[in-house]
């Protein structure tokens, strides 16, 4: 599984019982605190492995650092944040690479394991399936407010911890349910990632906008125009596949296209077990998890937002 289809990670079969999952992700700072930046970047990096149904095992650091303009202690804090998140995930650091750059960047390349018969992709939707989202939306808009100095201390702390939260628990829980497809919500936004699920697919998806969890304050900041460029790019690229009901206002639409960092999993599960899966997620502390929509037979390759 690789370049021939748009999925969250590459998969290579090693034996009849083992396949390796490979992915890579890095970005510029999204929060001011270097330690929490390292935590968020690490959590984001292995989210793709969880989305494929696998378990991350090893990682290598990727660093670009402005050595002449920034104290090396900043880099130490970033790396420590990544190491602590690796320990939480049970991931082993096996190496890495660094370059001197004018702009700070950090992330990781990750290798995970999975049985070849248990690989989850974006495409195996079944009519009638329910969609469960495990984290609230809004990190792109909130991060824009942070950069503009407009976000409160409480909201900054909330979104920082949210981005640093692993999708590990959700991935482990969904292993015990009839999950047909999965993806993680990151840079393409909720609607962009759902578009990848339904394109060239015999199904469509209906979403309930009122059921979608959103980080407190997001709608207010979006109403102030604090919407990142990536969100507008997502809308321009995928809005041709989306039909919004007249009751869904422009601000809510922007949130649904919002480019996320270290977002949650979007789990496509058999309708008969969706409530049980949701309950177990909440019992594990994934309190924002919600059933947000369903898979339809018609219209094909369309997203209906009500």
C-alpha atoms as a PDB file:
ATOM      1  CA  UNK A   1       0.000   0.000   0.000  1.00  0.00           C
ATOM      2  CA  UNK A   2       1.633   3.223  -1.100  1.00  0.00           C
ATOM      3  CA  UNK A   3       1.453   5.872  -3.795  1.00  0.00           C
ATOM      4  CA  UNK A   4      -1.303   4.175  -5.791  1.00  0.00           C
ATOM      5  CA  UNK A   5      -3.941   5.304  -3.253  1.00  0.00           C
ATOM      6  CA  UNK A   6      -4.404   8.158  -0.812  1.00  0.00           C
ATOM      7  CA  UNK A   7      -4.078   6.548   2.608  1.00  0.00           C
ATOM      8  CA  UNK A   8      -2.600   7.626   5.922  1.00  0.00           C
ATOM      9  CA  UNK A   9       0.630   5.598   5.711  1.00  0.00           C
ATOM     10  CA  UNK A  10       2.540   3.148   3.566  1.00  0.00           C
ATOM     11  CA  UNK A  11       2.341  -0.575   4.373  1.00  0.00           C
ATOM     12  CA  UNK A  12       4.805  -3.284   3.335  1.00  0.00           C
ATOM     13  CA  UNK A  13       4.180  -6.993   3.919  1.00  0.00           C
ATOM     14  CA  UNK A  14       7.224  -8.715   5.464  1.00  0.00           C
ATOM     15  CA  UNK A  15       5.732 -12.156   6.155  1.00  0.00           C
ATOM     16  CA  UNK A  16       2.261 -13.686   6.167  1.00  0.00           C
ATOM     17  CA  UNK A  17       1.880 -12.465   9.759  1.00  0.00           C
ATOM     18  CA  UNK A  18       3.749  -9.148   9.830  1.00  0.00           C
ATOM     19  CA  UNK A  19       3.553  -5.949   7.819  1.00  0.00           C
ATOM     20  CA  UNK A  20       5.338  -2.701   8.586  1.00  0.00           C
ATOM     21  CA  UNK A  21       3.618   0.675   8.506  1.00  0.00           C
ATOM     22  CA  UNK A  22       5.758   3.690   7.583  1.00  0.00           C
ATOM     23  CA  UNK A  23       4.952   7.378   7.872  1.00  0.00           C
ATOM     24  CA  UNK A  24       6.690  10.718   8.438  1.00  0.00           C
ATOM     25  CA  UNK A  25       5.525  14.108   9.679  1.00  0.00           C
ATOM     26  CA  UNK A  26       7.151  17.331  10.869  1.00  0.00           C
ATOM     27  CA  UNK A  27       6.205  20.996  11.089  1.00  0.00           C
ATOM     28  CA  UNK A  28       7.053  24.414  12.484  1.00  0.00           C
ATOM     29  CA  UNK A  29       6.122  25.334  16.087  1.00  0.00           C
ATOM     30  CA  UNK A  30       2.411  25.511  16.824  1.00  0.00           C
ATOM     31  CA  UNK A  31       2.794  26.543  20.491  1.00  0.00           C
ATOM     32  CA  UNK A  32       5.343  28.736  22.256  1.00  0.00           C
ATOM     33  CA  UNK A  33       6.448  26.137  24.826  1.00  0.00           C
ATOM     34  CA  UNK A  34       9.210  23.993  23.243  1.00  0.00           C
ATOM     35  CA  UNK A  35       8.528  20.967  25.453  1.00  0.00           C
ATOM     36  CA  UNK A  36       4.843  20.881  24.490  1.00  0.00           C
ATOM     37  CA  UNK A  37       5.745  21.471  20.855  1.00  0.00           C
ATOM     38  CA  UNK A  38       7.848  18.302  21.014  1.00  0.00           C
ATOM     39  CA  UNK A  39       4.970  16.417  22.648  1.00  0.00           C
ATOM     40  CA  UNK A  40       2.455  17.523  20.018  1.00  0.00           C
ATOM     41  CA  UNK A  41       4.749  16.817  17.082  1.00  0.00           C
ATOM     42  CA  UNK A  42       5.426  13.312  18.375  1.00  0.00           C
ATOM     43  CA  UNK A  43       1.750  12.540  19.041  1.00  0.00           C
ATOM     44  CA  UNK A  44       0.911  13.781  15.555  1.00  0.00           C
ATOM     45  CA  UNK A  45       3.632  11.670  13.914  1.00  0.00           C
ATOM     46  CA  UNK A  46       2.322   8.264  14.968  1.00  0.00           C
ATOM     47  CA  UNK A  47      -1.341   9.103  14.618  1.00  0.00           C
ATOM     48  CA  UNK A  48      -1.228   7.763  11.048  1.00  0.00           C
ATOM     49  CA  UNK A  49      -0.060   4.384  12.354  1.00  0.00           C
ATOM     50  CA  UNK A  50      -2.986   4.230  14.771  1.00  0.00           C
ATOM     51  CA  UNK A  51      -5.359   5.181  11.952  1.00  0.00           C
ATOM     52  CA  UNK A  52      -4.153   2.191   9.922  1.00  0.00           C
ATOM     53  CA  UNK A  53      -4.906  -0.121  12.853  1.00  0.00           C
ATOM     54  CA  UNK A  54      -1.251  -0.619  13.744  1.00  0.00           C
ATOM     55  CA  UNK A  55       1.089  -0.141  16.683  1.00  0.00           C
ATOM     56  CA  UNK A  56       4.033   2.324  16.382  1.00  0.00           C
ATOM     57  CA  UNK A  57       7.324   0.687  17.375  1.00  0.00           C
ATOM     58  CA  UNK A  58      10.318   2.805  16.325  1.00  0.00           C
ATOM     59  CA  UNK A  59      10.931   6.440  15.432  1.00  0.00           C
ATOM     60  CA  UNK A  60      13.679   8.717  14.137  1.00  0.00           C
ATOM     61  CA  UNK A  61      13.869  12.414  14.928  1.00  0.00           C
ATOM     62  CA  UNK A  62      13.808  15.014  12.149  1.00  0.00           C
ATOM     63  CA  UNK A  63      15.148  18.408  13.209  1.00  0.00           C
ATOM     64  CA  UNK A  64      15.761  21.726  11.468  1.00  0.00           C
ATOM     65  CA  UNK A  65      17.219  24.247  13.910  1.00  0.00           C
ATOM     66  CA  UNK A  66      18.428  27.874  13.637  1.00  0.00           C
ATOM     67  CA  UNK A  67      21.621  27.307  15.617  1.00  0.00           C
ATOM     68  CA  UNK A  68      22.877  30.888  15.206  1.00  0.00           C
ATOM     69  CA  UNK A  69      19.595  32.492  16.331  1.00  0.00           C
ATOM     70  CA  UNK A  70      18.249  30.210  19.046  1.00  0.00           C
ATOM     71  CA  UNK A  71      19.749  28.719  22.200  1.00  0.00           C
ATOM     72  CA  UNK A  72      20.410  25.000  22.043  1.00  0.00           C
ATOM     73  CA  UNK A  73      18.406  24.573  25.271  1.00  0.00           C
ATOM     74  CA  UNK A  74      15.251  25.123  23.207  1.00  0.00           C
ATOM     75  CA  UNK A  75      16.115  22.104  21.086  1.00  0.00           C
ATOM     76  CA  UNK A  76      16.810  20.019  24.182  1.00  0.00           C
ATOM     77  CA  UNK A  77      13.325  20.791  25.506  1.00  0.00           C
ATOM     78  CA  UNK A  78      11.711  19.894  22.171  1.00  0.00           C
ATOM     79  CA  UNK A  79      13.562  16.583  22.011  1.00  0.00           C
ATOM     80  CA  UNK A  80      12.680  15.835  25.633  1.00  0.00           C
ATOM     81  CA  UNK A  81       9.001  16.429  24.860  1.00  0.00           C
ATOM     82  CA  UNK A  82       9.244  13.976  21.984  1.00  0.00           C
ATOM     83  CA  UNK A  83      11.082  11.402  24.132  1.00  0.00           C
ATOM     84  CA  UNK A  84       8.479  11.573  26.893  1.00  0.00           C
ATOM     85  CA  UNK A  85       5.686  11.048  24.383  1.00  0.00           C
ATOM     86  CA  UNK A  86       7.599   8.099  22.902  1.00  0.00           C
ATOM     87  CA  UNK A  87       7.802   6.522  26.342  1.00  0.00           C
ATOM     88  CA  UNK A  88       4.047   6.947  26.768  1.00  0.00           C
ATOM     89  CA  UNK A  89       3.410   5.315  23.380  1.00  0.00           C
ATOM     90  CA  UNK A  90       5.913   2.499  23.872  1.00  0.00           C
ATOM     91  CA  UNK A  91       7.984   3.720  20.925  1.00  0.00           C
ATOM     92  CA  UNK A  92      11.785   3.353  20.743  1.00  0.00           C
ATOM     93  CA  UNK A  93      13.953   6.153  19.313  1.00  0.00           C
ATOM     94  CA  UNK A  94      16.508   4.553  16.968  1.00  0.00           C
ATOM     95  CA  UNK A  95      18.144   7.604  15.373  1.00  0.00           C
ATOM     96  CA  UNK A  96      17.415  10.719  13.409  1.00  0.00           C
ATOM     97  CA  UNK A  97      18.816  13.549  11.355  1.00  0.00           C
ATOM     98  CA  UNK A  98      19.303  17.276  11.916  1.00  0.00           C
ATOM     99  CA  UNK A  99      20.123  20.220   9.687  1.00  0.00           C
ATOM    100  CA  UNK A 100      20.781  23.870  10.395  1.00  0.00           C
ATOM    101  CA  UNK A 101      17.908  25.970   9.067  1.00  0.00           C
ATOM    102  CA  UNK A 102      16.594  29.497   9.480  1.00  0.00           C
ATOM    103  CA  UNK A 103      13.205  28.100  10.539  1.00  0.00           C
ATOM    104  CA  UNK A 104      12.711  25.660  13.410  1.00  0.00           C
ATOM    105  CA  UNK A 105      11.027  22.376  12.493  1.00  0.00           C
ATOM    106  CA  UNK A 106      10.569  19.100  14.349  1.00  0.00           C
ATOM    107  CA  UNK A 107       8.900  15.782  13.716  1.00  0.00           C
ATOM    108  CA  UNK A 108       9.570  12.097  13.309  1.00  0.00           C
ATOM    109  CA  UNK A 109       9.593   9.240  10.861  1.00  0.00           C
ATOM    110  CA  UNK A 110       7.779   6.268  12.352  1.00  0.00           C
ATOM    111  CA  UNK A 111       7.616   2.522  11.764  1.00  0.00           C
ATOM    112  CA  UNK A 112       4.761   0.427  13.122  1.00  0.00           C
ATOM    113  CA  UNK A 113       3.657  -3.205  12.994  1.00  0.00           C
ATOM    114  CA  UNK A 114       0.366  -4.771  11.950  1.00  0.00           C
ATOM    115  CA  UNK A 115      -0.981  -8.133  10.814  1.00  0.00           C
ATOM    116  CA  UNK A 116      -1.642  -7.904   7.052  1.00  0.00           C
ATOM    117  CA  UNK A 117      -5.244  -9.061   7.540  1.00  0.00           C
ATOM    118  CA  UNK A 118      -6.021  -6.280  10.051  1.00  0.00           C
ATOM    119  CA  UNK A 119      -4.973  -3.237   8.019  1.00  0.00           C
ATOM    120  CA  UNK A 120      -7.525  -0.425   8.114  1.00  0.00           C
ATOM    121  CA  UNK A 121      -7.799   1.872   5.119  1.00  0.00           C
ATOM    122  CA  UNK A 122      -9.967   4.863   4.236  1.00  0.00           C
ATOM    123  CA  UNK A 123     -11.903   3.061   1.531  1.00  0.00           C
ATOM    124  CA  UNK A 124     -13.709   0.053   3.008  1.00  0.00           C
ATOM    125  CA  UNK A 125     -16.893   1.892   3.981  1.00  0.00           C
ATOM    126  CA  UNK A 126     -20.107  -0.084   4.408  1.00  0.00           C
ATOM    127  CA  UNK A 127     -23.579   1.359   3.874  1.00  0.00           C
ATOM    128  CA  UNK A 128     -25.225   2.114   7.214  1.00  0.00           C
ATOM    129  CA  UNK A 129     -21.946   2.410   9.136  1.00  0.00           C
ATOM    130  CA  UNK A 130     -21.671   5.137  11.776  1.00  0.00           C
ATOM    131  CA  UNK A 131     -18.817   7.637  11.943  1.00  0.00           C
ATOM    132  CA  UNK A 132     -17.243   8.328  15.332  1.00  0.00           C
ATOM    133  CA  UNK A 133     -14.872  11.269  15.850  1.00  0.00           C
ATOM    134  CA  UNK A 134     -12.613  11.012  18.919  1.00  0.00           C
ATOM    135  CA  UNK A 135     -11.299  14.596  19.299  1.00  0.00           C
ATOM    136  CA  UNK A 136     -12.989  17.979  18.881  1.00  0.00           C
ATOM    137  CA  UNK A 137     -12.212  20.246  15.927  1.00  0.00           C
ATOM    138  CA  UNK A 138     -10.657  23.704  15.925  1.00  0.00           C
ATOM    139  CA  UNK A 139      -6.899  23.422  16.511  1.00  0.00           C
ATOM    140  CA  UNK A 140      -6.042  25.344  13.336  1.00  0.00           C
ATOM    141  CA  UNK A 141      -8.286  28.265  14.214  1.00  0.00           C
ATOM    142  CA  UNK A 142      -7.212  28.258  17.878  1.00  0.00           C
ATOM    143  CA  UNK A 143      -3.524  28.184  16.894  1.00  0.00           C
ATOM    144  CA  UNK A 144      -4.145  31.188  14.639  1.00  0.00           C
ATOM    145  CA  UNK A 145      -5.671  32.996  17.628  1.00  0.00           C
ATOM    146  CA  UNK A 146      -2.632  32.038  19.717  1.00  0.00           C
ATOM    147  CA  UNK A 147      -0.262  33.481  17.114  1.00  0.00           C
ATOM    148  CA  UNK A 148      -2.344  36.659  17.101  1.00  0.00           C
ATOM    149  CA  UNK A 149      -2.104  36.964  20.891  1.00  0.00           C
ATOM    150  CA  UNK A 150      -5.883  36.684  21.258  1.00  0.00           C
ATOM    151  CA  UNK A 151      -6.298  33.268  22.896  1.00  0.00           C
ATOM    152  CA  UNK A 152      -6.829  33.030  26.645  1.00  0.00           C
ATOM    153  CA  UNK A 153      -4.435  31.108  28.880  1.00  0.00           C
ATOM    154  CA  UNK A 154      -7.126  28.510  29.561  1.00  0.00           C
ATOM    155  CA  UNK A 155      -7.779  27.860  25.873  1.00  0.00           C
ATOM    156  CA  UNK A 156      -4.049  27.698  25.097  1.00  0.00           C
ATOM    157  CA  UNK A 157      -3.544  25.068  27.795  1.00  0.00           C
ATOM    158  CA  UNK A 158      -6.596  23.115  26.638  1.00  0.00           C
ATOM    159  CA  UNK A 159      -5.611  22.948  22.975  1.00  0.00           C
ATOM    160  CA  UNK A 160      -1.948  22.239  23.793  1.00  0.00           C
ATOM    161  CA  UNK A 161      -2.868  19.207  25.888  1.00  0.00           C
ATOM    162  CA  UNK A 162      -5.375  18.093  23.265  1.00  0.00           C
ATOM    163  CA  UNK A 163      -2.741  18.110  20.503  1.00  0.00           C
ATOM    164  CA  UNK A 164      -0.316  16.220  22.753  1.00  0.00           C
ATOM    165  CA  UNK A 165      -2.878  13.505  23.498  1.00  0.00           C
ATOM    166  CA  UNK A 166      -2.169  10.202  21.778  1.00  0.00           C
ATOM    167  CA  UNK A 167      -4.771   8.344  19.746  1.00  0.00           C
ATOM    168  CA  UNK A 168      -3.400   5.168  21.337  1.00  0.00           C
ATOM    169  CA  UNK A 169      -6.359   4.411  23.616  1.00  0.00           C
ATOM    170  CA  UNK A 170      -8.899   4.930  20.848  1.00  0.00           C
ATOM    171  CA  UNK A 171      -6.886   2.685  18.508  1.00  0.00           C
ATOM    172  CA  UNK A 172      -6.656  -0.091  21.085  1.00  0.00           C
ATOM    173  CA  UNK A 173     -10.380   0.076  21.861  1.00  0.00           C
ATOM    174  CA  UNK A 174     -11.510  -0.024  18.233  1.00  0.00           C
ATOM    175  CA  UNK A 175      -9.581  -3.282  17.676  1.00  0.00           C
ATOM    176  CA  UNK A 176     -12.416  -5.099  19.453  1.00  0.00           C
ATOM    177  CA  UNK A 177     -15.174  -3.765  17.200  1.00  0.00           C
ATOM    178  CA  UNK A 178     -16.262  -4.283  13.554  1.00  0.00           C
ATOM    179  CA  UNK A 179     -14.435  -1.208  12.237  1.00  0.00           C
ATOM    180  CA  UNK A 180     -14.399  -1.093   8.439  1.00  0.00           C
ATOM    181  CA  UNK A 181     -12.406   2.081   7.768  1.00  0.00           C
ATOM    182  CA  UNK A 182     -10.478   4.734   9.658  1.00  0.00           C
ATOM    183  CA  UNK A 183      -8.461   7.894   9.176  1.00  0.00           C
ATOM    184  CA  UNK A 184      -7.020  10.600  11.401  1.00  0.00           C
ATOM    185  CA  UNK A 185      -8.068  14.221  11.052  1.00  0.00           C
ATOM    186  CA  UNK A 186      -5.076  16.455  10.363  1.00  0.00           C
ATOM    187  CA  UNK A 187      -4.120  19.011   7.719  1.00  0.00           C
ATOM    188  CA  UNK A 188      -6.982  18.461   5.274  1.00  0.00           C
ATOM    189  CA  UNK A 189      -9.620  19.079   7.944  1.00  0.00           C
ATOM    190  CA  UNK A 190     -12.617  16.880   8.725  1.00  0.00           C
ATOM    191  CA  UNK A 191     -14.294  17.381   5.350  1.00  0.00           C
ATOM    192  CA  UNK A 192     -11.042  17.020   3.427  1.00  0.00           C
ATOM    193  CA  UNK A 193     -10.271  13.672   5.021  1.00  0.00           C
ATOM    194  CA  UNK A 194     -13.839  12.443   4.575  1.00  0.00           C
ATOM    195  CA  UNK A 195     -13.604  13.461   0.905  1.00  0.00           C
ATOM    196  CA  UNK A 196     -10.640  11.094   0.567  1.00  0.00           C
ATOM    197  CA  UNK A 197     -12.808   8.323   2.005  1.00  0.00           C
ATOM    198  CA  UNK A 198     -15.699   8.737  -0.443  1.00  0.00           C
ATOM    199  CA  UNK A 199     -13.904   9.700  -3.657  1.00  0.00           C
ATOM    200  CA  UNK A 200     -14.012   6.827  -6.187  1.00  0.00           C
ATOM    201  CA  UNK A 201     -16.297   5.044  -3.726  1.00  0.00           C
ATOM    202  CA  UNK A 202     -19.873   3.723  -4.216  1.00  0.00           C
ATOM    203  CA  UNK A 203     -21.080   5.535  -1.087  1.00  0.00           C
ATOM    204  CA  UNK A 204     -21.638   8.992   0.331  1.00  0.00           C
ATOM    205  CA  UNK A 205     -21.654  10.360   3.879  1.00  0.00           C
ATOM    206  CA  UNK A 206     -24.148  12.415   5.858  1.00  0.00           C
ATOM    207  CA  UNK A 207     -22.912  14.479   8.811  1.00  0.00           C
ATOM    208  CA  UNK A 208     -24.855  16.108  11.617  1.00  0.00           C
ATOM    209  CA  UNK A 209     -23.106  19.431  12.211  1.00  0.00           C
ATOM    210  CA  UNK A 210     -24.685  19.769  15.664  1.00  0.00           C
ATOM    211  CA  UNK A 211     -23.176  16.438  16.755  1.00  0.00           C
ATOM    212  CA  UNK A 212     -19.600  17.322  15.786  1.00  0.00           C
ATOM    213  CA  UNK A 213     -17.458  18.209  18.843  1.00  0.00           C
ATOM    214  CA  UNK A 214     -15.760  21.609  18.616  1.00  0.00           C
ATOM    215  CA  UNK A 215     -13.166  23.113  20.965  1.00  0.00           C
ATOM    216  CA  UNK A 216     -14.724  25.894  23.102  1.00  0.00           C
ATOM    217  CA  UNK A 217     -13.926  29.316  21.667  1.00  0.00           C
ATOM    218  CA  UNK A 218     -13.347  28.061  18.121  1.00  0.00           C
ATOM    219  CA  UNK A 219     -16.562  29.458  16.657  1.00  0.00           C
ATOM    220  CA  UNK A 220     -15.911  32.844  18.280  1.00  0.00           C
ATOM    221  CA  UNK A 221     -12.390  33.060  16.854  1.00  0.00           C
ATOM    222  CA  UNK A 222     -13.570  31.909  13.431  1.00  0.00           C
ATOM    223  CA  UNK A 223     -16.229  34.625  13.542  1.00  0.00           C
ATOM    224  CA  UNK A 224     -13.413  37.133  14.100  1.00  0.00           C
ATOM    225  CA  UNK A 225     -11.758  35.956  10.887  1.00  0.00           C
ATOM    226  CA  UNK A 226      -8.956  34.003  12.598  1.00  0.00           C
ATOM    227  CA  UNK A 227      -9.015  31.252  10.010  1.00  0.00           C
ATOM    228  CA  UNK A 228      -5.677  29.847   8.731  1.00  0.00           C
ATOM    229  CA  UNK A 229      -4.822  29.789   5.043  1.00  0.00           C
ATOM    230  CA  UNK A 230      -4.810  25.988   5.059  1.00  0.00           C
ATOM    231  CA  UNK A 231      -8.494  25.980   5.966  1.00  0.00           C
ATOM    232  CA  UNK A 232      -9.349  28.172   2.970  1.00  0.00           C
ATOM    233  CA  UNK A 233      -7.236  25.902   0.754  1.00  0.00           C
ATOM    234  CA  UNK A 234      -9.136  22.863   2.029  1.00  0.00           C
ATOM    235  CA  UNK A 235     -12.458  24.505   1.217  1.00  0.00           C
ATOM    236  CA  UNK A 236     -11.366  25.539  -2.267  1.00  0.00           C
ATOM    237  CA  UNK A 237     -10.142  22.025  -3.048  1.00  0.00           C
ATOM    238  CA  UNK A 238     -13.037  19.951  -1.679  1.00  0.00           C
ATOM    239  CA  UNK A 239     -16.168  22.102  -1.413  1.00  0.00           C
ATOM    240  CA  UNK A 240     -17.324  20.768  -4.788  1.00  0.00           C
ATOM    241  CA  UNK A 241     -17.981  17.443  -3.016  1.00  0.00           C
ATOM    242  CA  UNK A 242     -19.939  18.945  -0.103  1.00  0.00           C
ATOM    243  CA  UNK A 243     -23.614  19.931   0.145  1.00  0.00           C
ATOM    244  CA  UNK A 244     -24.409  22.142   3.152  1.00  0.00           C
ATOM    245  CA  UNK A 245     -27.932  22.553   4.461  1.00  0.00           C
ATOM    246  CA  UNK A 246     -29.060  26.181   4.680  1.00  0.00           C
ATOM    247  CA  UNK A 247     -28.976  25.884   8.496  1.00  0.00           C
ATOM    248  CA  UNK A 248     -25.172  25.336   8.497  1.00  0.00           C
ATOM    249  CA  UNK A 249     -23.648  28.815   8.660  1.00  0.00           C
ATOM    250  CA  UNK A 250     -20.362  29.890   7.088  1.00  0.00           C
ATOM    251  CA  UNK A 251     -18.486  29.926  10.409  1.00  0.00           C
ATOM    252  CA  UNK A 252     -19.400  26.305  11.123  1.00  0.00           C
ATOM    253  CA  UNK A 253     -18.417  25.387   7.578  1.00  0.00           C
ATOM    254  CA  UNK A 254     -14.982  26.940   8.154  1.00  0.00           C
ATOM    255  CA  UNK A 255     -14.527  24.815  11.289  1.00  0.00           C
ATOM    256  CA  UNK A 256     -15.379  21.647   9.355  1.00  0.00           C
ATOM    257  CA  UNK A 257     -12.683  22.521   6.794  1.00  0.00           C
ATOM    258  CA  UNK A 258     -10.214  23.666   9.486  1.00  0.00           C
ATOM    259  CA  UNK A 259      -6.707  22.254   9.121  1.00  0.00           C
ATOM    260  CA  UNK A 260      -6.031  20.243  12.282  1.00  0.00           C
ATOM    261  CA  UNK A 261      -2.838  19.365  14.105  1.00  0.00           C
ATOM    262  CA  UNK A 262      -2.769  15.993  15.888  1.00  0.00           C
ATOM    263  CA  UNK A 263      -6.517  15.571  15.519  1.00  0.00           C
ATOM    264  CA  UNK A 264      -8.605  12.567  16.476  1.00  0.00           C
ATOM    265  CA  UNK A 265      -9.464   9.352  14.700  1.00  0.00           C
ATOM    266  CA  UNK A 266     -12.521   9.134  12.458  1.00  0.00           C
ATOM    267  CA  UNK A 267     -13.783   5.583  12.914  1.00  0.00           C
ATOM    268  CA  UNK A 268     -16.245   3.928  10.540  1.00  0.00           C
ATOM    269  CA  UNK A 269     -17.968   1.172  12.532  1.00  0.00           C
ATOM    270  CA  UNK A 270     -20.930  -1.155  12.090  1.00  0.00           C
ATOM    271  CA  UNK A 271     -24.120   0.622  13.137  1.00  0.00           C
ATOM    272  CA  UNK A 272     -25.095  -2.158  15.560  1.00  0.00           C
ATOM    273  CA  UNK A 273     -21.912  -1.678  17.627  1.00  0.00           C
ATOM    274  CA  UNK A 274     -21.429   2.084  17.346  1.00  0.00           C
ATOM    275  CA  UNK A 275     -23.068   2.922  20.686  1.00  0.00           C
ATOM    276  CA  UNK A 276     -20.995   0.283  22.490  1.00  0.00           C
ATOM    277  CA  UNK A 277     -17.783   1.587  20.953  1.00  0.00           C
ATOM    278  CA  UNK A 278     -18.685   5.159  21.853  1.00  0.00           C
ATOM    279  CA  UNK A 279     -19.467   4.188  25.436  1.00  0.00           C
ATOM    280  CA  UNK A 280     -16.139   2.395  25.852  1.00  0.00           C
ATOM    281  CA  UNK A 281     -14.258   5.384  24.426  1.00  0.00           C
ATOM    282  CA  UNK A 282     -15.928   7.673  26.943  1.00  0.00           C
ATOM    283  CA  UNK A 283     -15.265   5.257  29.806  1.00  0.00           C
ATOM    284  CA  UNK A 284     -11.580   5.382  28.861  1.00  0.00           C
ATOM    285  CA  UNK A 285     -11.607   9.168  29.231  1.00  0.00           C
ATOM    286  CA  UNK A 286     -12.099  10.126  25.586  1.00  0.00           C
ATOM    287  CA  UNK A 287     -14.941  12.385  26.667  1.00  0.00           C
ATOM    288  CA  UNK A 288     -15.336  14.366  23.432  1.00  0.00           C
ATOM    289  CA  UNK A 289     -15.906  11.295  21.258  1.00  0.00           C
ATOM    290  CA  UNK A 290     -19.192  11.481  19.350  1.00  0.00           C
ATOM    291  CA  UNK A 291     -21.176   9.804  16.592  1.00  0.00           C
ATOM    292  CA  UNK A 292     -21.222  12.481  13.905  1.00  0.00           C
ATOM    293  CA  UNK A 293     -22.671  10.830  10.817  1.00  0.00           C
ATOM    294  CA  UNK A 294     -23.395   7.765   8.716  1.00  0.00           C
ATOM    295  CA  UNK A 295     -22.497   6.134   5.403  1.00  0.00           C
ATOM    296  CA  UNK A 296     -25.163   6.425   2.691  1.00  0.00           C
ATOM    297  CA  UNK A 297     -25.817   4.453  -0.476  1.00  0.00           C
ATOM    298  CA  UNK A 298     -26.651   7.690  -2.296  1.00  0.00           C
ATOM    299  CA  UNK A 299     -25.496  10.218  -3.357  1.00  0.00           C
ATOM    300  CA  UNK A 300     -22.198   8.591  -4.271  1.00  0.00           C
ATOM    301  CA  UNK A 301     -18.961  10.496  -3.636  1.00  0.00           C
ATOM    302  CA  UNK A 302     -20.822  13.279  -1.840  1.00  0.00           C
ATOM    303  CA  UNK A 303     -20.806  14.659   1.698  1.00  0.00           C
ATOM    304  CA  UNK A 304     -24.127  15.958   3.012  1.00  0.00           C
ATOM    305  CA  UNK A 305     -23.816  18.285   6.024  1.00  0.00           C
ATOM    306  CA  UNK A 306     -27.052  19.013   7.884  1.00  0.00           C
END
